[in-house]
């Protein structure tokens, strides 16, 4: 909640998002996520779009009291029942009621104006991607995959598919016809292939936001509320429109429009956004307090206006599988979000939730996250024959490569333990089930959280911005903590990591070996950590440019391997291809030859492909032409070449497959399942 004053009219907005649970199993799972429990909700959110407190971003509502009511009932704030045996509370209607009572007690009962953001104003979309992907052409209705390319990129649709969508558009227009005839209502229906946009700054009100008749959606909504002018607009289908306005209407479920948007908080806020949010408690489900957000705002005119906005929808699981990303590359986003989202969406009736532990006293040694908070980890104790074996898994999540992206990162779980989940579901290599993780299920399994932005390497500080680049110190205090918990007596120990964590496992492998007695069997595993210094589609070096920024902003030169820096520049020594051959400890490389993250963010990022020639290909390799396939093949050849000398050592292991994927050890479906990828009849887990 952002509170500018108490002496004015109110704007109260109701918007629903986050999908639904539609059976017992999915509702049980939902209890273990922020969509079903406030235990897992973020402790602060960035307010953008219709929630922004900046006049240049939100001209009509910037100084209203703005509330975001969190969604945790699974039925659009409608239910009022309970499953006694499973202790599942379907109490959406009660949440709505107590929230309204709370807001009234805070001053809304004195509002001069009150916008109920329900169905009273509709900014919706003829070509809503959620409806298309989940209602019109879901996988269950398209087993042959005929609609796959079309529903994710409408430029790939044939004429009959376009006609089918046009009929859906006609149904949409017809459905709102009588509603729009009332002079008190407003409608904004565009022809974009998008979903849920009022909270995103780039689509709500920005210089290049899509427009109808010269006006952006924020202007139309303002016109509607303040009765300034006509506020019913619609247009015809346009294939060029890719991201427009989805609504104040709350007609949304699961966002498939932008597959790279993995977290609403992390992807909709500009990296320069200043957080100033405080926590308030509103309602309950299941048995835990619901959460809202309060942010003091500047003084306003003599009006008190409120918005209560529920969470907008998340990105699609299917799209996330294909689209890892990284903080600081172009937008504040991260690769590991995709991993944890996929894990958490692996709906399990008996989720193994492992609590977060903060390392007490770490701050006295300067071992802190970017924002100065304590680092943390999740430990699931071993048992039986594995009680004296230890697996340390380093979390990934991209990097920050300049001042602004590091400042932003402080406001996410990648830079502050304030925003880390209080418990995680352990799957894949971290699972405690023998049928899911036969080699390591009964080991002591630890996930060390990543909050320094440089793969646990840096040791510097930005005094002016109070940014702490202390990855190396976090590594050291974490190892001390694990040693004190019993790792110093380990019979076996494995250091693993995924993505940026996979790079970290390479950077710290020999250090890990030196920590433990000679009698301990020590090895390392890097999953999706082989980031190559490759040429992009424009002939540039996009990933090198990014790594150069990481090395510069965190002053990593002194912290990298001297064996490497004695003959190469520091940036080159952040690339694992220049490090793996010098590792003395037995190491296993798990990677794909066509790493999906590197293809999208290193080989063909939008900065190197302004004409979007590669967009369809990088989203679905079945749409690549022969020259594009050849370009990827050359990348694959480079991958094989750089690990050639490494793989010749008898102590090392390599599993390089040809999947279009990224980060596979934490995902159950790729780590060890009936249909997991195999080489010579073996899964990854068998090979390692």
Foldseek 3Di string as FASTA:
>chain_A
DAFQDQQAAAEEFEADEAFADDDDLSLLLLCQAQQAFVLFAFQFFFFFFCRALDCQQQVQPNRAAEKAFEHHQRPRLDDADADVVSLFGNHSVVLVVQQVVVVVVVRNVVHPHYHYLAQQEFAAELQALCCVDPPVPDCVNVVVCPCVLCSQAVVPDDPVVVVVSVVSSVVVCVVCVVVCVDLLGAYHYEHEHWAAPNRARQARHDPPHDDDPPDGPSVLVSCNRVVPDHGYDYDDHDSVHQYHDGTSHNPDYATARDLQQADCRQFRDFLQRDDAKHWDFTDDGSVHTTIMIYGYHHHDDSHHYYYHYYDHHGHDLVSLQQAAEAQALPGGWWRLSNVQVLQSPPRDSDFDKFFKDFLPPLLVVVQAFFQSATWIKTKDAFDDPQRQEEEEEEEGIHAHQADSSSLSLCSAQQGHVSRHNRIGGFFFCRALDCQQFVPPNRHTYMYTGHGQRQLLFFADADVVSGTGNHSVSNVVSVVVVVVVVNNQRHQEYEYEYFASPLLSCLQCVVVVVVSHDPNHQYEYERFQHQQDQDQAPLRHRSVLVRLVSRCVVRVRQVRFDPVQVVPDPVSVRSHCLSRLLVDPGAYEYHYELQALHCVDSGHPDCVSVVVCPCVSCSSPVVPDDPVRVVVSVVSSVVVCVSCVSVVVDPRYHYDYHHDSGGTQRRNSQQNRDPPHDDDPPDGPSVRD
